[in-house]
Amino acid sequence: MGSGPIPKIRIVIAGFNLMTFRLLARTLERSLDLQVVATVGTKEGLFKSLQDTKPDMALISIHLQDGLFSGFAHLQEISHRFPNLPWVLLLAHTTPQLVVDAFRAGARGVFSCSESETKLLGKCVRCVVKGEIWADTAQVGHIVQALTGASSDSEASRGEALSLLTAREETVVRLVAQGLSNRDVAQHLGLSEHTIKNGLFRIFEKLGFSNRVELVLYAIAKLNQAEFPSMDLPSASITVNNRAPRPGLSMGGPGA
């Protein structure tokens, strides 16, 4: 007997040049586990396709047919209306501020089409769907600098707040940085999922973060600097593809 059909990762792609992105869709679908269920060019088309097809993830270009940076302008709305949808921002070229703003808006990854091998996009999709965060090494540098920069008063206050976390809160942050969901964290600590959810809200307030992605990225930076008391847990997962000119990097990310 055969093992049955390969489960498909269902993807929506939104971008300015539909011909280009349809070619990209064909490239992705050469992999048996990837299926592009919609390719759209406008905000209206994007929101309708997300509602109708309920994909596993979305690839969203910074520019849509609605105008320059129109894709970027709607990122927070996407995260608000589809909170459980992982999405990746597609860029022609990266700049530090765009990268940082994308993750602050809720992106699970940023992919530079001109600076990365197209075949890496499939790996990016798989990592993000698994709950990981995707960025290349330069992009991670931008993020860590923005979240830990000593020159900013607000970031300095975050560093002070970090030291004020309780031992239990530090443990929760470590587990979240491992990619555990709220349910998994609750089971690990013998607490209710509701307790963990409320605890994360308090942690966000102390550190000045608005979403789980920021917390994970910041925690990984601090964990690597040994800012937390040691625990019998593996370090944050980092996978680097050394074949890429600017390697893709995935970090254990924000499970819901």
C-alpha atoms as a PDB file:
ATOM      1  CA  MET A   1       0.000   0.000   0.000  1.00  0.00           C
ATOM      2  CA  GLY A   2       1.187   3.537  -0.732  1.00  0.00           C
ATOM      3  CA  SER A   3       1.771   6.145   1.924  1.00  0.00           C
ATOM      4  CA  GLY A   4      -0.993   8.385   0.513  1.00  0.00           C
ATOM      5  CA  PRO A   5      -0.845  11.902  -0.915  1.00  0.00           C
ATOM      6  CA  ILE A   6       1.718  14.352   0.421  1.00  0.00           C
ATOM      7  CA  PRO A   7       0.077  17.025   2.618  1.00  0.00           C
ATOM      8  CA  LYS A   8       0.149  20.386   0.857  1.00  0.00           C
ATOM      9  CA  ILE A   9       1.153  23.725   2.359  1.00  0.00           C
ATOM     10  CA  ARG A  10      -1.431  26.099   0.904  1.00  0.00           C
ATOM     11  CA  ILE A  11      -0.069  29.550   0.019  1.00  0.00           C
ATOM     12  CA  VAL A  12      -1.530  32.903  -1.038  1.00  0.00           C
ATOM     13  CA  ILE A  13       0.803  35.271  -2.900  1.00  0.00           C
ATOM     14  CA  ALA A  14       0.105  39.007  -3.187  1.00  0.00           C
ATOM     15  CA  GLY A  15       2.184  41.375  -5.320  1.00  0.00           C
ATOM     16  CA  PHE A  16       2.278  44.192  -7.845  1.00  0.00           C
ATOM     17  CA  ASN A  17       3.410  42.269 -10.925  1.00  0.00           C
ATOM     18  CA  LEU A  18       1.072  39.297 -11.252  1.00  0.00           C
ATOM     19  CA  MET A  19       3.039  37.735 -14.111  1.00  0.00           C
ATOM     20  CA  THR A  20       6.191  37.683 -11.994  1.00  0.00           C
ATOM     21  CA  PHE A  21       4.429  36.208  -9.004  1.00  0.00           C
ATOM     22  CA  ARG A  22       2.630  33.588 -11.089  1.00  0.00           C
ATOM     23  CA  LEU A  23       6.038  32.465 -12.299  1.00  0.00           C
ATOM     24  CA  LEU A  24       7.130  32.389  -8.665  1.00  0.00           C
ATOM     25  CA  ALA A  25       4.071  30.281  -7.872  1.00  0.00           C
ATOM     26  CA  ARG A  26       5.037  27.781 -10.584  1.00  0.00           C
ATOM     27  CA  THR A  27       8.529  27.576  -9.116  1.00  0.00           C
ATOM     28  CA  LEU A  28       7.140  26.857  -5.649  1.00  0.00           C
ATOM     29  CA  GLU A  29       4.735  24.238  -6.961  1.00  0.00           C
ATOM     30  CA  ARG A  30       7.592  22.204  -8.395  1.00  0.00           C
ATOM     31  CA  SER A  31       7.822  20.980  -4.802  1.00  0.00           C
ATOM     32  CA  LEU A  32       5.157  18.366  -4.177  1.00  0.00           C
ATOM     33  CA  ASP A  33       4.344  19.740  -0.722  1.00  0.00           C
ATOM     34  CA  LEU A  34       3.613  23.332  -1.837  1.00  0.00           C
ATOM     35  CA  GLN A  35       0.405  24.607  -3.442  1.00  0.00           C
ATOM     36  CA  VAL A  36      -0.356  28.229  -4.371  1.00  0.00           C
ATOM     37  CA  VAL A  37      -4.117  28.643  -3.975  1.00  0.00           C
ATOM     38  CA  ALA A  38      -4.320  32.301  -5.053  1.00  0.00           C
ATOM     39  CA  THR A  39      -2.176  34.981  -6.680  1.00  0.00           C
ATOM     40  CA  VAL A  40      -3.615  38.471  -6.190  1.00  0.00           C
ATOM     41  CA  GLY A  41      -2.571  42.049  -6.848  1.00  0.00           C
ATOM     42  CA  THR A  42      -4.690  44.275  -4.608  1.00  0.00           C
ATOM     43  CA  LYS A  43      -5.535  44.667  -0.929  1.00  0.00           C
ATOM     44  CA  GLU A  44      -9.156  43.762  -1.644  1.00  0.00           C
ATOM     45  CA  GLY A  45      -8.100  40.650  -3.528  1.00  0.00           C
ATOM     46  CA  LEU A  46      -5.680  39.682  -0.769  1.00  0.00           C
ATOM     47  CA  PHE A  47      -8.223  39.939   2.040  1.00  0.00           C
ATOM     48  CA  LYS A  48     -10.870  38.101   0.012  1.00  0.00           C
ATOM     49  CA  SER A  49      -8.482  35.274  -0.874  1.00  0.00           C
ATOM     50  CA  LEU A  50      -7.349  34.925   2.748  1.00  0.00           C
ATOM     51  CA  GLN A  51     -10.977  34.749   3.858  1.00  0.00           C
ATOM     52  CA  ASP A  52     -12.106  32.354   1.110  1.00  0.00           C
ATOM     53  CA  THR A  53      -9.166  29.953   0.834  1.00  0.00           C
ATOM     54  CA  LYS A  54      -7.959  29.949   4.462  1.00  0.00           C
ATOM     55  CA  PRO A  55      -4.341  29.244   3.463  1.00  0.00           C
ATOM     56  CA  ASP A  56      -1.576  27.927   5.690  1.00  0.00           C
ATOM     57  CA  MET A  57       0.533  31.032   5.050  1.00  0.00           C
ATOM     58  CA  ALA A  58       0.864  34.111   2.844  1.00  0.00           C
ATOM     59  CA  LEU A  59       3.677  35.742   0.879  1.00  0.00           C
ATOM     60  CA  ILE A  60       3.032  39.488   0.618  1.00  0.00           C
ATOM     61  CA  SER A  61       5.023  41.911  -1.508  1.00  0.00           C
ATOM     62  CA  ILE A  62       5.827  45.338  -0.115  1.00  0.00           C
ATOM     63  CA  HIS A  63       4.111  46.859  -3.198  1.00  0.00           C
ATOM     64  CA  LEU A  64       0.618  45.961  -4.457  1.00  0.00           C
ATOM     65  CA  GLN A  65      -1.306  47.320  -7.439  1.00  0.00           C
ATOM     66  CA  ASP A  66      -2.982  49.792  -5.075  1.00  0.00           C
ATOM     67  CA  GLY A  67       0.262  51.805  -5.044  1.00  0.00           C
ATOM     68  CA  LEU A  68       3.845  51.908  -3.819  1.00  0.00           C
ATOM     69  CA  PHE A  69       4.249  50.446  -0.330  1.00  0.00           C
ATOM     70  CA  SER A  70       0.542  49.560  -0.298  1.00  0.00           C
ATOM     71  CA  GLY A  71       1.345  46.003   0.752  1.00  0.00           C
ATOM     72  CA  PHE A  72       3.508  47.289   3.580  1.00  0.00           C
ATOM     73  CA  ALA A  73       0.793  49.726   4.676  1.00  0.00           C
ATOM     74  CA  HIS A  74      -1.699  46.934   5.411  1.00  0.00           C
ATOM     75  CA  LEU A  75       0.565  44.563   7.359  1.00  0.00           C
ATOM     76  CA  GLN A  76      -0.798  45.401  10.792  1.00  0.00           C
ATOM     77  CA  GLU A  77      -4.356  45.070   9.515  1.00  0.00           C
ATOM     78  CA  ILE A  78      -3.521  41.622   8.163  1.00  0.00           C
ATOM     79  CA  SER A  79      -2.132  40.546  11.531  1.00  0.00           C
ATOM     80  CA  HIS A  80      -5.209  41.948  13.283  1.00  0.00           C
ATOM     81  CA  ARG A  81      -7.795  40.351  10.984  1.00  0.00           C
ATOM     82  CA  PHE A  82      -5.964  37.030  10.571  1.00  0.00           C
ATOM     83  CA  PRO A  83      -4.045  36.598  13.861  1.00  0.00           C
ATOM     84  CA  ASN A  84      -3.294  32.913  13.297  1.00  0.00           C
ATOM     85  CA  LEU A  85      -1.989  33.353   9.756  1.00  0.00           C
ATOM     86  CA  PRO A  86       1.804  33.287   9.384  1.00  0.00           C
ATOM     87  CA  TRP A  87       3.008  35.596   6.626  1.00  0.00           C
ATOM     88  CA  VAL A  88       6.281  36.641   5.044  1.00  0.00           C
ATOM     89  CA  LEU A  89       7.064  40.056   3.549  1.00  0.00           C
ATOM     90  CA  LEU A  90       8.677  39.887   0.103  1.00  0.00           C
ATOM     91  CA  LEU A  91      11.193  42.638  -0.699  1.00  0.00           C
ATOM     92  CA  ALA A  92      13.295  43.489  -3.734  1.00  0.00           C
ATOM     93  CA  HIS A  93      15.946  44.975  -1.450  1.00  0.00           C
ATOM     94  CA  THR A  94      16.066  45.153   2.317  1.00  0.00           C
ATOM     95  CA  THR A  95      16.629  48.213   4.470  1.00  0.00           C
ATOM     96  CA  PRO A  96      17.001  48.087   8.260  1.00  0.00           C
ATOM     97  CA  GLN A  97      13.831  50.050   8.993  1.00  0.00           C
ATOM     98  CA  LEU A  98      11.638  48.004   6.647  1.00  0.00           C
ATOM     99  CA  VAL A  99      12.880  44.780   8.214  1.00  0.00           C
ATOM    100  CA  VAL A 100      12.287  45.986  11.765  1.00  0.00           C
ATOM    101  CA  ASP A 101       8.860  47.454  10.961  1.00  0.00           C
ATOM    102  CA  ALA A 102       7.793  44.237   9.212  1.00  0.00           C
ATOM    103  CA  PHE A 103       8.532  42.099  12.267  1.00  0.00           C
ATOM    104  CA  ARG A 104       6.916  44.639  14.563  1.00  0.00           C
ATOM    105  CA  ALA A 105       3.797  44.402  12.383  1.00  0.00           C
ATOM    106  CA  GLY A 106       3.714  40.640  12.952  1.00  0.00           C
ATOM    107  CA  ALA A 107       5.698  39.139  10.072  1.00  0.00           C
ATOM    108  CA  ARG A 108       7.082  35.661  10.632  1.00  0.00           C
ATOM    109  CA  GLY A 109       9.743  36.274   8.006  1.00  0.00           C
ATOM    110  CA  VAL A 110      11.289  38.711   5.535  1.00  0.00           C
ATOM    111  CA  PHE A 111      12.538  37.372   2.218  1.00  0.00           C
ATOM    112  CA  SER A 112      14.656  39.381  -0.239  1.00  0.00           C
ATOM    113  CA  CYS A 113      13.859  38.032  -3.698  1.00  0.00           C
ATOM    114  CA  SER A 114      16.825  39.730  -5.372  1.00  0.00           C
ATOM    115  CA  GLU A 115      19.400  38.767  -2.755  1.00  0.00           C
ATOM    116  CA  SER A 116      18.418  35.155  -2.067  1.00  0.00           C
ATOM    117  CA  GLU A 117      18.176  32.055  -4.201  1.00  0.00           C
ATOM    118  CA  THR A 118      14.553  31.476  -5.230  1.00  0.00           C
ATOM    119  CA  LYS A 119      14.771  27.858  -4.125  1.00  0.00           C
ATOM    120  CA  LEU A 120      15.327  29.122  -0.590  1.00  0.00           C
ATOM    121  CA  LEU A 121      11.792  30.509  -0.626  1.00  0.00           C
ATOM    122  CA  GLY A 122      10.375  26.999  -0.332  1.00  0.00           C
ATOM    123  CA  LYS A 123      12.536  26.417   2.728  1.00  0.00           C
ATOM    124  CA  CYS A 124      11.363  29.757   4.106  1.00  0.00           C
ATOM    125  CA  VAL A 125       7.719  28.718   3.641  1.00  0.00           C
ATOM    126  CA  ARG A 126       8.250  25.395   5.410  1.00  0.00           C
ATOM    127  CA  CYS A 127      10.087  26.984   8.344  1.00  0.00           C
ATOM    128  CA  VAL A 128       7.438  29.651   8.873  1.00  0.00           C
ATOM    129  CA  VAL A 129       4.562  27.154   8.700  1.00  0.00           C
ATOM    130  CA  LYS A 130       6.344  25.080  11.373  1.00  0.00           C
ATOM    131  CA  GLY A 131       6.277  28.133  13.665  1.00  0.00           C
ATOM    132  CA  GLU A 132       9.796  29.382  13.083  1.00  0.00           C
ATOM    133  CA  ILE A 133      11.010  32.851  12.138  1.00  0.00           C
ATOM    134  CA  TRP A 134      12.873  33.435   8.874  1.00  0.00           C
ATOM    135  CA  ALA A 135      15.439  36.143   8.198  1.00  0.00           C
ATOM    136  CA  ASP A 136      18.893  36.292   6.670  1.00  0.00           C
ATOM    137  CA  THR A 137      21.907  37.134   8.793  1.00  0.00           C
ATOM    138  CA  ALA A 138      21.931  40.822   7.859  1.00  0.00           C
ATOM    139  CA  GLN A 139      18.219  41.156   8.663  1.00  0.00           C
ATOM    140  CA  VAL A 140      18.694  39.497  12.048  1.00  0.00           C
ATOM    141  CA  GLY A 141      21.417  42.035  12.752  1.00  0.00           C
ATOM    142  CA  HIS A 142      19.006  44.890  12.014  1.00  0.00           C
ATOM    143  CA  ILE A 143      16.384  43.391  14.314  1.00  0.00           C
ATOM    144  CA  VAL A 144      18.714  42.721  17.226  1.00  0.00           C
ATOM    145  CA  GLN A 145      20.207  46.203  16.935  1.00  0.00           C
ATOM    146  CA  ALA A 146      16.745  47.772  17.009  1.00  0.00           C
ATOM    147  CA  LEU A 147      15.607  45.685  19.976  1.00  0.00           C
ATOM    148  CA  THR A 148      18.775  45.913  22.070  1.00  0.00           C
ATOM    149  CA  GLY A 149      20.331  49.234  21.021  1.00  0.00           C
ATOM    150  CA  ALA A 150      21.862  50.879  24.060  1.00  0.00           C
ATOM    151  CA  SER A 151      21.551  54.374  22.590  1.00  0.00           C
ATOM    152  CA  SER A 152      17.747  54.402  22.886  1.00  0.00           C
ATOM    153  CA  ASP A 153      16.169  55.316  26.227  1.00  0.00           C
ATOM    154  CA  SER A 154      13.208  53.062  25.510  1.00  0.00           C
ATOM    155  CA  GLU A 155      15.470  50.123  24.719  1.00  0.00           C
ATOM    156  CA  ALA A 156      17.540  50.845  27.824  1.00  0.00           C
ATOM    157  CA  SER A 157      14.360  50.749  29.893  1.00  0.00           C
ATOM    158  CA  ARG A 158      13.556  47.362  28.300  1.00  0.00           C
ATOM    159  CA  GLY A 159      16.889  46.051  29.465  1.00  0.00           C
ATOM    160  CA  GLU A 160      16.115  47.218  33.001  1.00  0.00           C
ATOM    161  CA  ALA A 161      12.647  45.699  32.805  1.00  0.00           C
ATOM    162  CA  LEU A 162      14.131  42.392  31.694  1.00  0.00           C
ATOM    163  CA  SER A 163      16.043  42.149  34.956  1.00  0.00           C
ATOM    164  CA  LEU A 164      12.755  42.695  36.835  1.00  0.00           C
ATOM    165  CA  LEU A 165      11.063  39.617  35.387  1.00  0.00           C
ATOM    166  CA  THR A 166      10.203  37.018  37.965  1.00  0.00           C
ATOM    167  CA  ALA A 167      11.870  33.611  37.822  1.00  0.00           C
ATOM    168  CA  ARG A 168       8.632  32.133  36.447  1.00  0.00           C
ATOM    169  CA  GLU A 169       8.415  34.848  33.770  1.00  0.00           C
ATOM    170  CA  GLU A 170      12.029  34.188  32.764  1.00  0.00           C
ATOM    171  CA  THR A 171      11.152  30.518  32.406  1.00  0.00           C
ATOM    172  CA  VAL A 172       8.137  31.343  30.233  1.00  0.00           C
ATOM    173  CA  VAL A 173      10.280  33.549  27.986  1.00  0.00           C
ATOM    174  CA  ARG A 174      12.844  30.782  27.568  1.00  0.00           C
ATOM    175  CA  LEU A 175      10.156  28.277  26.630  1.00  0.00           C
ATOM    176  CA  VAL A 176       8.554  30.683  24.169  1.00  0.00           C
ATOM    177  CA  ALA A 177      11.991  31.248  22.606  1.00  0.00           C
ATOM    178  CA  GLN A 178      12.158  27.485  22.033  1.00  0.00           C
ATOM    179  CA  GLY A 179       9.066  27.758  19.833  1.00  0.00           C
ATOM    180  CA  LEU A 180       6.598  26.278  22.342  1.00  0.00           C
ATOM    181  CA  SER A 181       2.942  27.286  22.061  1.00  0.00           C
ATOM    182  CA  ASN A 182       1.005  28.640  25.037  1.00  0.00           C
ATOM    183  CA  ARG A 183      -0.501  25.182  25.510  1.00  0.00           C
ATOM    184  CA  ASP A 184       2.920  23.507  25.469  1.00  0.00           C
ATOM    185  CA  VAL A 185       4.318  26.046  27.950  1.00  0.00           C
ATOM    186  CA  ALA A 186       1.328  25.470  30.227  1.00  0.00           C
ATOM    187  CA  GLN A 187       1.811  21.700  30.124  1.00  0.00           C
ATOM    188  CA  HIS A 188       5.545  22.053  30.797  1.00  0.00           C
ATOM    189  CA  LEU A 189       4.937  24.231  33.863  1.00  0.00           C
ATOM    190  CA  GLY A 190       1.787  22.490  35.098  1.00  0.00           C
ATOM    191  CA  LEU A 191      -0.321  25.635  34.688  1.00  0.00           C
ATOM    192  CA  SER A 192      -3.435  26.528  32.727  1.00  0.00           C
ATOM    193  CA  GLU A 193      -3.189  27.937  29.204  1.00  0.00           C
ATOM    194  CA  HIS A 194      -5.150  30.975  30.422  1.00  0.00           C
ATOM    195  CA  THR A 195      -2.521  31.645  33.098  1.00  0.00           C
ATOM    196  CA  ILE A 196       0.261  31.534  30.522  1.00  0.00           C
ATOM    197  CA  LYS A 197      -1.628  33.864  28.182  1.00  0.00           C
ATOM    198  CA  ASN A 198      -2.145  36.431  30.951  1.00  0.00           C
ATOM    199  CA  GLY A 199       1.468  36.041  32.011  1.00  0.00           C
ATOM    200  CA  LEU A 200       2.665  36.807  28.479  1.00  0.00           C
ATOM    201  CA  PHE A 201       0.586  39.991  28.439  1.00  0.00           C
ATOM    202  CA  ARG A 202       2.368  41.120  31.605  1.00  0.00           C
ATOM    203  CA  ILE A 203       5.749  40.260  30.080  1.00  0.00           C
ATOM    204  CA  PHE A 204       4.888  42.264  26.952  1.00  0.00           C
ATOM    205  CA  GLU A 205       4.017  45.246  29.152  1.00  0.00           C
ATOM    206  CA  LYS A 206       7.255  45.021  31.139  1.00  0.00           C
ATOM    207  CA  LEU A 207       9.444  44.747  28.049  1.00  0.00           C
ATOM    208  CA  GLY A 208       7.479  47.179  25.893  1.00  0.00           C
ATOM    209  CA  PHE A 209       6.733  44.678  23.129  1.00  0.00           C
ATOM    210  CA  SER A 210       3.505  44.379  21.165  1.00  0.00           C
ATOM    211  CA  ASN A 211       3.736  40.825  19.820  1.00  0.00           C
ATOM    212  CA  ARG A 212       5.265  37.400  20.277  1.00  0.00           C
ATOM    213  CA  VAL A 213       7.684  37.774  17.374  1.00  0.00           C
ATOM    214  CA  GLU A 214       9.444  40.717  19.019  1.00  0.00           C
ATOM    215  CA  LEU A 215       9.649  38.775  22.281  1.00  0.00           C
ATOM    216  CA  VAL A 216      11.187  35.735  20.593  1.00  0.00           C
ATOM    217  CA  LEU A 217      13.789  37.757  18.692  1.00  0.00           C
ATOM    218  CA  TYR A 218      14.726  39.774  21.770  1.00  0.00           C
ATOM    219  CA  ALA A 219      14.829  36.671  23.956  1.00  0.00           C
ATOM    220  CA  ILE A 220      17.141  34.881  21.543  1.00  0.00           C
ATOM    221  CA  ALA A 221      19.515  37.849  21.568  1.00  0.00           C
ATOM    222  CA  LYS A 222      19.503  37.931  25.372  1.00  0.00           C
ATOM    223  CA  LEU A 223      19.665  34.165  25.757  1.00  0.00           C
ATOM    224  CA  ASN A 224      22.742  34.102  23.547  1.00  0.00           C
ATOM    225  CA  GLN A 225      24.257  36.711  25.863  1.00  0.00           C
ATOM    226  CA  ALA A 226      23.404  34.567  28.911  1.00  0.00           C
ATOM    227  CA  GLU A 227      21.168  37.270  30.416  1.00  0.00           C
ATOM    228  CA  PHE A 228      18.823  34.708  31.951  1.00  0.00           C
ATOM    229  CA  PRO A 229      19.613  32.250  34.744  1.00  0.00           C
ATOM    230  CA  SER A 230      20.599  28.878  33.292  1.00  0.00           C
ATOM    231  CA  MET A 231      17.971  26.205  32.769  1.00  0.00           C
ATOM    232  CA  ASP A 232      18.108  22.610  31.653  1.00  0.00           C
ATOM    233  CA  LEU A 233      16.831  23.509  28.199  1.00  0.00           C
ATOM    234  CA  PRO A 234      18.448  23.562  24.778  1.00  0.00           C
ATOM    235  CA  SER A 235      19.476  26.938  23.394  1.00  0.00           C
ATOM    236  CA  ALA A 236      17.265  28.693  20.840  1.00  0.00           C
ATOM    237  CA  SER A 237      17.229  26.767  17.566  1.00  0.00           C
ATOM    238  CA  ILE A 238      19.180  28.414  14.749  1.00  0.00           C
ATOM    239  CA  THR A 239      19.642  26.855  11.328  1.00  0.00           C
ATOM    240  CA  VAL A 240      21.922  28.546   8.806  1.00  0.00           C
ATOM    241  CA  ASN A 241      22.082  27.685   5.115  1.00  0.00           C
ATOM    242  CA  ASN A 242      25.706  28.409   4.312  1.00  0.00           C
ATOM    243  CA  ARG A 243      25.176  27.952   0.562  1.00  0.00           C
ATOM    244  CA  ALA A 244      23.291  31.234   0.261  1.00  0.00           C
ATOM    245  CA  PRO A 245      25.265  34.450  -0.339  1.00  0.00           C
ATOM    246  CA  ARG A 246      23.302  36.010   2.509  1.00  0.00           C
ATOM    247  CA  PRO A 247      22.193  32.856   4.293  1.00  0.00           C
ATOM    248  CA  GLY A 248      18.654  32.150   5.318  1.00  0.00           C
ATOM    249  CA  LEU A 249      18.307  31.765   9.057  1.00  0.00           C
ATOM    250  CA  SER A 250      15.403  30.276  10.956  1.00  0.00           C
ATOM    251  CA  MET A 251      14.843  30.561  14.657  1.00  0.00           C
ATOM    252  CA  GLY A 252      12.456  28.630  16.866  1.00  0.00           C
ATOM    253  CA  GLY A 253       9.498  30.933  16.744  1.00  0.00           C
ATOM    254  CA  PRO A 254       6.153  31.982  18.116  1.00  0.00           C
ATOM    255  CA  GLY A 255       3.787  29.060  18.290  1.00  0.00           C
ATOM    256  CA  ALA A 256       0.272  30.255  19.083  1.00  0.00           C
END
